[in-house]
Amino acid sequence: MAHKISDECVNCGSCVGDCPVEAISEKDGKHWIDPDKCQDCGACVASCPTDSISES
Protein backbone atom coordinates (compact mmCIF):
# COMPACT_ATOMS: atom_id res chain seq x y z
CA MET A 1 0.00 0.00 0.00
CA ALA A 2 1.34 3.43 -0.92
CA HIS A 3 2.33 6.02 1.65
CA LYS A 4 0.38 9.27 2.02
CA ILE A 5 1.33 12.79 3.12
CA SER A 6 -1.05 14.34 5.64
CA ASP A 7 -2.13 17.95 6.12
CA GLU A 8 0.56 18.35 8.82
CA CYS A 9 3.13 18.58 6.01
CA VAL A 10 5.00 21.89 6.06
CA ASN A 11 6.08 21.44 2.43
CA CYS A 12 9.79 21.42 3.26
CA GLY A 13 10.66 18.91 0.52
CA SER A 14 12.91 16.70 2.68
CA CYS A 15 11.19 13.57 1.42
CA VAL A 16 11.52 14.32 -2.29
CA GLY A 17 15.21 13.47 -2.62
CA ASP A 18 14.90 10.38 -0.45
CA CYS A 19 12.34 8.65 -2.65
CA PRO A 20 14.21 6.10 -4.81
CA VAL A 21 11.41 5.92 -7.41
CA GLU A 22 10.66 9.67 -7.59
CA ALA A 23 7.05 9.17 -6.47
CA ILE A 24 6.92 12.44 -4.52
CA SER A 25 6.25 15.71 -6.25
CA GLU A 26 4.54 19.02 -5.66
CA LYS A 27 0.98 19.51 -6.84
CA ASP A 28 -1.22 22.53 -6.14
CA GLY A 29 1.33 23.89 -3.66
CA LYS A 30 1.58 20.68 -1.60
CA HIS A 31 3.72 17.58 -1.78
CA TRP A 32 2.00 14.30 -2.58
CA ILE A 33 2.97 10.70 -3.24
CA ASP A 34 1.90 9.08 -6.50
CA PRO A 35 0.38 5.74 -5.41
CA ASP A 36 1.16 4.19 -8.80
CA LYS A 37 4.90 4.85 -8.36
CA CYS A 38 5.27 4.34 -4.58
CA GLN A 39 6.92 1.01 -3.71
CA ASP A 40 6.17 1.30 0.01
CA CYS A 41 9.84 1.35 0.99
CA GLY A 42 9.37 3.94 3.77
CA ALA A 43 12.44 6.03 2.93
CA CYS A 44 10.29 9.16 2.98
CA VAL A 45 8.94 8.43 6.46
CA ALA A 46 12.39 8.61 8.03
CA SER A 47 13.21 11.95 6.39
CA CYS A 48 10.00 13.78 7.37
CA PRO A 49 10.62 16.23 10.25
CA THR A 50 6.91 16.55 11.04
CA ASP A 51 5.96 12.85 10.89
CA SER A 52 3.44 13.72 8.17
CA ILE A 53 3.96 10.57 6.09
CA SER A 54 2.26 7.27 6.87
CA GLU A 55 0.90 4.20 5.15
CA SER A 56 -2.50 4.88 3.71
PDB file of N, CA and C in Angstrom:
ATOM      1  N   MET A   1       0.846  -1.174   0.000  1.00  0.00           N
ATOM      2  CA  MET A   1       0.000   0.000   0.000  1.00  0.00           C
ATOM      3  C   MET A   1       0.899   1.249   0.000  1.00  0.00           C
ATOM      4  N   ALA A   2       0.540   2.210  -0.782  1.00  0.00           N
ATOM      5  CA  ALA A   2       1.336   3.429  -0.920  1.00  0.00           C
ATOM      6  C   ALA A   2       1.270   4.292   0.333  1.00  0.00           C
ATOM      7  N   HIS A   3       2.306   5.077   0.541  1.00  0.00           N
ATOM      8  CA  HIS A   3       2.327   6.024   1.647  1.00  0.00           C
ATOM      9  C   HIS A   3       1.550   7.280   1.249  1.00  0.00           C
ATOM     10  N   LYS A   4       1.172   8.062   2.255  1.00  0.00           N
ATOM     11  CA  LYS A   4       0.384   9.271   2.024  1.00  0.00           C
ATOM     12  C   LYS A   4       0.934  10.401   2.892  1.00  0.00           C
ATOM     13  N   ILE A   5       0.890  11.610   2.382  1.00  0.00           N
ATOM     14  CA  ILE A   5       1.332  12.789   3.118  1.00  0.00           C
ATOM     15  C   ILE A   5       0.103  13.492   3.678  1.00  0.00           C
ATOM     16  N   SER A   6       0.101  13.728   4.981  1.00  0.00           N
ATOM     17  CA  SER A   6      -1.053  14.342   5.642  1.00  0.00           C
ATOM     18  C   SER A   6      -1.003  15.870   5.578  1.00  0.00           C
ATOM     19  N   ASP A   7      -2.040  16.490   6.097  1.00  0.00           N
ATOM     20  CA  ASP A   7      -2.129  17.948   6.117  1.00  0.00           C
ATOM     21  C   ASP A   7      -1.112  18.591   7.055  1.00  0.00           C
ATOM     22  N   GLU A   8      -0.465  17.815   7.913  1.00  0.00           N
ATOM     23  CA  GLU A   8       0.555  18.355   8.817  1.00  0.00           C
ATOM     24  C   GLU A   8       1.853  18.692   8.082  1.00  0.00           C
ATOM     25  N   CYS A   9       1.944  18.305   6.830  1.00  0.00           N
ATOM     26  CA  CYS A   9       3.132  18.576   6.012  1.00  0.00           C
ATOM     27  C   CYS A   9       3.375  20.078   5.926  1.00  0.00           C
ATOM     28  N   VAL A  10       4.626  20.480   6.145  1.00  0.00           N
ATOM     29  CA  VAL A  10       5.001  21.892   6.059  1.00  0.00           C
ATOM     30  C   VAL A  10       5.647  22.220   4.704  1.00  0.00           C
ATOM     31  N   ASN A  11       5.603  21.257   3.802  1.00  0.00           N
ATOM     32  CA  ASN A  11       6.081  21.444   2.431  1.00  0.00           C
ATOM     33  C   ASN A  11       7.575  21.755   2.361  1.00  0.00           C
ATOM     34  N   CYS A  12       8.352  21.141   3.234  1.00  0.00           N
ATOM     35  CA  CYS A  12       9.794  21.415   3.265  1.00  0.00           C
ATOM     36  C   CYS A  12      10.559  20.718   2.140  1.00  0.00           C
ATOM     37  N   GLY A  13      10.018  19.612   1.619  1.00  0.00           N
ATOM     38  CA  GLY A  13      10.664  18.909   0.520  1.00  0.00           C
ATOM     39  C   GLY A  13      11.718  17.901   0.925  1.00  0.00           C
ATOM     40  N   SER A  14      11.902  17.654   2.217  1.00  0.00           N
ATOM     41  CA  SER A  14      12.912  16.695   2.682  1.00  0.00           C
ATOM     42  C   SER A  14      12.728  15.311   2.070  1.00  0.00           C
ATOM     43  N   CYS A  15      11.512  14.920   1.885  1.00  0.00           N
ATOM     44  CA  CYS A  15      11.192  13.572   1.418  1.00  0.00           C
ATOM     45  C   CYS A  15      11.470  13.374  -0.070  1.00  0.00           C
ATOM     46  N   VAL A  16      11.419  14.427  -0.836  1.00  0.00           N
ATOM     47  CA  VAL A  16      11.522  14.323  -2.294  1.00  0.00           C
ATOM     48  C   VAL A  16      12.801  13.623  -2.729  1.00  0.00           C
ATOM     49  N   GLY A  17      13.925  14.061  -2.231  1.00  0.00           N
ATOM     50  CA  GLY A  17      15.209  13.474  -2.617  1.00  0.00           C
ATOM     51  C   GLY A  17      15.458  12.090  -2.077  1.00  0.00           C
ATOM     52  N   ASP A  18      14.710  11.695  -1.045  1.00  0.00           N
ATOM     53  CA  ASP A  18      14.902  10.377  -0.449  1.00  0.00           C
ATOM     54  C   ASP A  18      14.087   9.282  -1.116  1.00  0.00           C
ATOM     55  N   CYS A  19      13.165   9.640  -1.978  1.00  0.00           N
ATOM     56  CA  CYS A  19      12.337   8.646  -2.651  1.00  0.00           C
ATOM     57  C   CYS A  19      13.108   8.030  -3.820  1.00  0.00           C
ATOM     58  N   PRO A  20      13.403   6.725  -3.758  1.00  0.00           N
ATOM     59  CA  PRO A  20      14.211   6.098  -4.813  1.00  0.00           C
ATOM     60  C   PRO A  20      13.487   5.945  -6.146  1.00  0.00           C
ATOM     61  N   VAL A  21      12.163   6.083  -6.160  1.00  0.00           N
ATOM     62  CA  VAL A  21      11.415   5.924  -7.406  1.00  0.00           C
ATOM     63  C   VAL A  21      10.770   7.230  -7.869  1.00  0.00           C
ATOM     64  N   GLU A  22      11.155   8.342  -7.240  1.00  0.00           N
ATOM     65  CA  GLU A  22      10.664   9.675  -7.592  1.00  0.00           C
ATOM     66  C   GLU A  22       9.133   9.750  -7.612  1.00  0.00           C
ATOM     67  N   ALA A  23       8.519   9.185  -6.571  1.00  0.00           N
ATOM     68  CA  ALA A  23       7.053   9.167  -6.470  1.00  0.00           C
ATOM     69  C   ALA A  23       6.509  10.419  -5.804  1.00  0.00           C
ATOM     70  N   ILE A  24       7.373  11.251  -5.233  1.00  0.00           N
ATOM     71  CA  ILE A  24       6.922  12.441  -4.518  1.00  0.00           C
ATOM     72  C   ILE A  24       7.166  13.679  -5.360  1.00  0.00           C
ATOM     73  N   SER A  25       6.122  14.467  -5.502  1.00  0.00           N
ATOM     74  CA  SER A  25       6.245  15.713  -6.253  1.00  0.00           C
ATOM     75  C   SER A  25       5.314  16.749  -5.642  1.00  0.00           C
ATOM     76  N   GLU A  26       5.393  17.953  -6.162  1.00  0.00           N
ATOM     77  CA  GLU A  26       4.539  19.025  -5.661  1.00  0.00           C
ATOM     78  C   GLU A  26       3.370  19.213  -6.618  1.00  0.00           C
ATOM     79  N   LYS A  27       2.183  19.332  -6.049  1.00  0.00           N
ATOM     80  CA  LYS A  27       0.976  19.507  -6.842  1.00  0.00           C
ATOM     81  C   LYS A  27       0.059  20.469  -6.106  1.00  0.00           C
ATOM     82  N   ASP A  28      -0.343  21.518  -6.750  1.00  0.00           N
ATOM     83  CA  ASP A  28      -1.219  22.525  -6.145  1.00  0.00           C
ATOM     84  C   ASP A  28      -0.639  23.090  -4.846  1.00  0.00           C
ATOM     85  N   GLY A  29       0.677  23.289  -4.810  1.00  0.00           N
ATOM     86  CA  GLY A  29       1.332  23.892  -3.660  1.00  0.00           C
ATOM     87  C   GLY A  29       1.588  22.956  -2.494  1.00  0.00           C
ATOM     88  N   LYS A  30       1.338  21.657  -2.666  1.00  0.00           N
ATOM     89  CA  LYS A  30       1.582  20.678  -1.603  1.00  0.00           C
ATOM     90  C   LYS A  30       2.297  19.465  -2.193  1.00  0.00           C
ATOM     91  N   HIS A  31       3.068  18.803  -1.345  1.00  0.00           N
ATOM     92  CA  HIS A  31       3.719  17.577  -1.784  1.00  0.00           C
ATOM     93  C   HIS A  31       2.732  16.424  -1.676  1.00  0.00           C
ATOM     94  N   TRP A  32       2.851  15.481  -2.595  1.00  0.00           N
ATOM     95  CA  TRP A  32       1.999  14.303  -2.578  1.00  0.00           C
ATOM     96  C   TRP A  32       2.784  13.114  -3.110  1.00  0.00           C
ATOM     97  N   ILE A  33       2.306  11.932  -2.815  1.00  0.00           N
ATOM     98  CA  ILE A  33       2.966  10.698  -3.240  1.00  0.00           C
ATOM     99  C   ILE A  33       2.078  10.012  -4.273  1.00  0.00           C
ATOM    100  N   ASP A  34       2.635   9.759  -5.435  1.00  0.00           N
ATOM    101  CA  ASP A  34       1.905   9.076  -6.500  1.00  0.00           C
ATOM    102  C   ASP A  34       1.769   7.597  -6.120  1.00  0.00           C
ATOM    103  N   PRO A  35       0.561   7.130  -5.854  1.00  0.00           N
ATOM    104  CA  PRO A  35       0.382   5.741  -5.415  1.00  0.00           C
ATOM    105  C   PRO A  35       0.761   4.710  -6.470  1.00  0.00           C
ATOM    106  N   ASP A  36       0.772   5.123  -7.742  1.00  0.00           N
ATOM    107  CA  ASP A  36       1.163   4.193  -8.803  1.00  0.00           C
ATOM    108  C   ASP A  36       2.672   3.983  -8.859  1.00  0.00           C
ATOM    109  N   LYS A  37       3.441   4.955  -8.356  1.00  0.00           N
ATOM    110  CA  LYS A  37       4.901   4.853  -8.356  1.00  0.00           C
ATOM    111  C   LYS A  37       5.456   4.359  -7.023  1.00  0.00           C
ATOM    112  N   CYS A  38       4.775   4.672  -5.919  1.00  0.00           N
ATOM    113  CA  CYS A  38       5.271   4.336  -4.580  1.00  0.00           C
ATOM    114  C   CYS A  38       5.441   2.830  -4.424  1.00  0.00           C
ATOM    115  N   GLN A  39       6.621   2.430  -3.931  1.00  0.00           N
ATOM    116  CA  GLN A  39       6.918   1.013  -3.713  1.00  0.00           C
ATOM    117  C   GLN A  39       6.878   0.645  -2.238  1.00  0.00           C
ATOM    118  N   ASP A  40       6.356   1.553  -1.408  1.00  0.00           N
ATOM    119  CA  ASP A  40       6.167   1.295   0.012  1.00  0.00           C
ATOM    120  C   ASP A  40       7.470   0.960   0.738  1.00  0.00           C
ATOM    121  N   CYS A  41       8.549   1.640   0.366  1.00  0.00           N
ATOM    122  CA  CYS A  41       9.844   1.353   0.993  1.00  0.00           C
ATOM    123  C   CYS A  41      10.012   2.068   2.333  1.00  0.00           C
ATOM    124  N   GLY A  42       9.308   3.201   2.518  1.00  0.00           N
ATOM    125  CA  GLY A  42       9.374   3.935   3.769  1.00  0.00           C
ATOM    126  C   GLY A  42      10.523   4.906   3.903  1.00  0.00           C
ATOM    127  N   ALA A  43      11.305   5.093   2.858  1.00  0.00           N
ATOM    128  CA  ALA A  43      12.439   6.029   2.928  1.00  0.00           C
ATOM    129  C   ALA A  43      11.966   7.443   3.248  1.00  0.00           C
ATOM    130  N   CYS A  44      10.822   7.824   2.745  1.00  0.00           N
ATOM    131  CA  CYS A  44      10.292   9.161   2.976  1.00  0.00           C
ATOM    132  C   CYS A  44       9.874   9.372   4.431  1.00  0.00           C
ATOM    133  N   VAL A  45       9.411   8.332   5.070  1.00  0.00           N
ATOM    134  CA  VAL A  45       8.942   8.429   6.461  1.00  0.00           C
ATOM    135  C   VAL A  45      10.078   8.878   7.371  1.00  0.00           C
ATOM    136  N   ALA A  46      11.238   8.297   7.190  1.00  0.00           N
ATOM    137  CA  ALA A  46      12.393   8.607   8.031  1.00  0.00           C
ATOM    138  C   ALA A  46      12.892  10.040   7.834  1.00  0.00           C
ATOM    139  N   SER A  47      12.681  10.605   6.658  1.00  0.00           N
ATOM    140  CA  SER A  47      13.206  11.946   6.394  1.00  0.00           C
ATOM    141  C   SER A  47      12.239  13.070   6.755  1.00  0.00           C
ATOM    142  N   CYS A  48      11.006  12.748   7.103  1.00  0.00           N
ATOM    143  CA  CYS A  48       9.999  13.776   7.368  1.00  0.00           C
ATOM    144  C   CYS A  48      10.133  14.335   8.791  1.00  0.00           C
ATOM    145  N   PRO A  49      10.434  15.635   8.922  1.00  0.00           N
ATOM    146  CA  PRO A  49      10.623  16.226  10.247  1.00  0.00           C
ATOM    147  C   PRO A  49       9.324  16.419  11.042  1.00  0.00           C
ATOM    148  N   THR A  50       8.190  16.344  10.355  1.00  0.00           N
ATOM    149  CA  THR A  50       6.906  16.547  11.039  1.00  0.00           C
ATOM    150  C   THR A  50       6.082  15.270  11.168  1.00  0.00           C
ATOM    151  N   ASP A  51       6.665  14.138  10.837  1.00  0.00           N
ATOM    152  CA  ASP A  51       5.955  12.847  10.886  1.00  0.00           C
ATOM    153  C   ASP A  51       4.639  12.901  10.128  1.00  0.00           C
ATOM    154  N   SER A  52       4.654  13.519   8.975  1.00  0.00           N
ATOM    155  CA  SER A  52       3.444  13.717   8.174  1.00  0.00           C
ATOM    156  C   SER A  52       3.194  12.608   7.157  1.00  0.00           C
ATOM    157  N   ILE A  53       4.087  11.633   7.087  1.00  0.00           N
ATOM    158  CA  ILE A  53       3.956  10.574   6.093  1.00  0.00           C
ATOM    159  C   ILE A  53       3.660   9.253   6.793  1.00  0.00           C
ATOM    160  N   SER A  54       2.642   8.569   6.287  1.00  0.00           N
ATOM    161  CA  SER A  54       2.260   7.271   6.869  1.00  0.00           C
ATOM    162  C   SER A  54       1.713   6.380   5.764  1.00  0.00           C
ATOM    163  N   GLU A  55       1.521   5.120   6.101  1.00  0.00           N
ATOM    164  CA  GLU A  55       0.898   4.203   5.148  1.00  0.00           C
ATOM    165  C   GLU A  55      -0.571   4.553   5.057  1.00  0.00           C
ATOM    166  N   SER A  56      -1.087   4.545   3.854  1.00  0.00           N
ATOM    167  CA  SER A  56      -2.503   4.880   3.706  1.00  0.00           C
ATOM    168  C   SER A  56      -3.381   3.648   3.796  1.00  0.00           C
TER     169      SER A  56
END
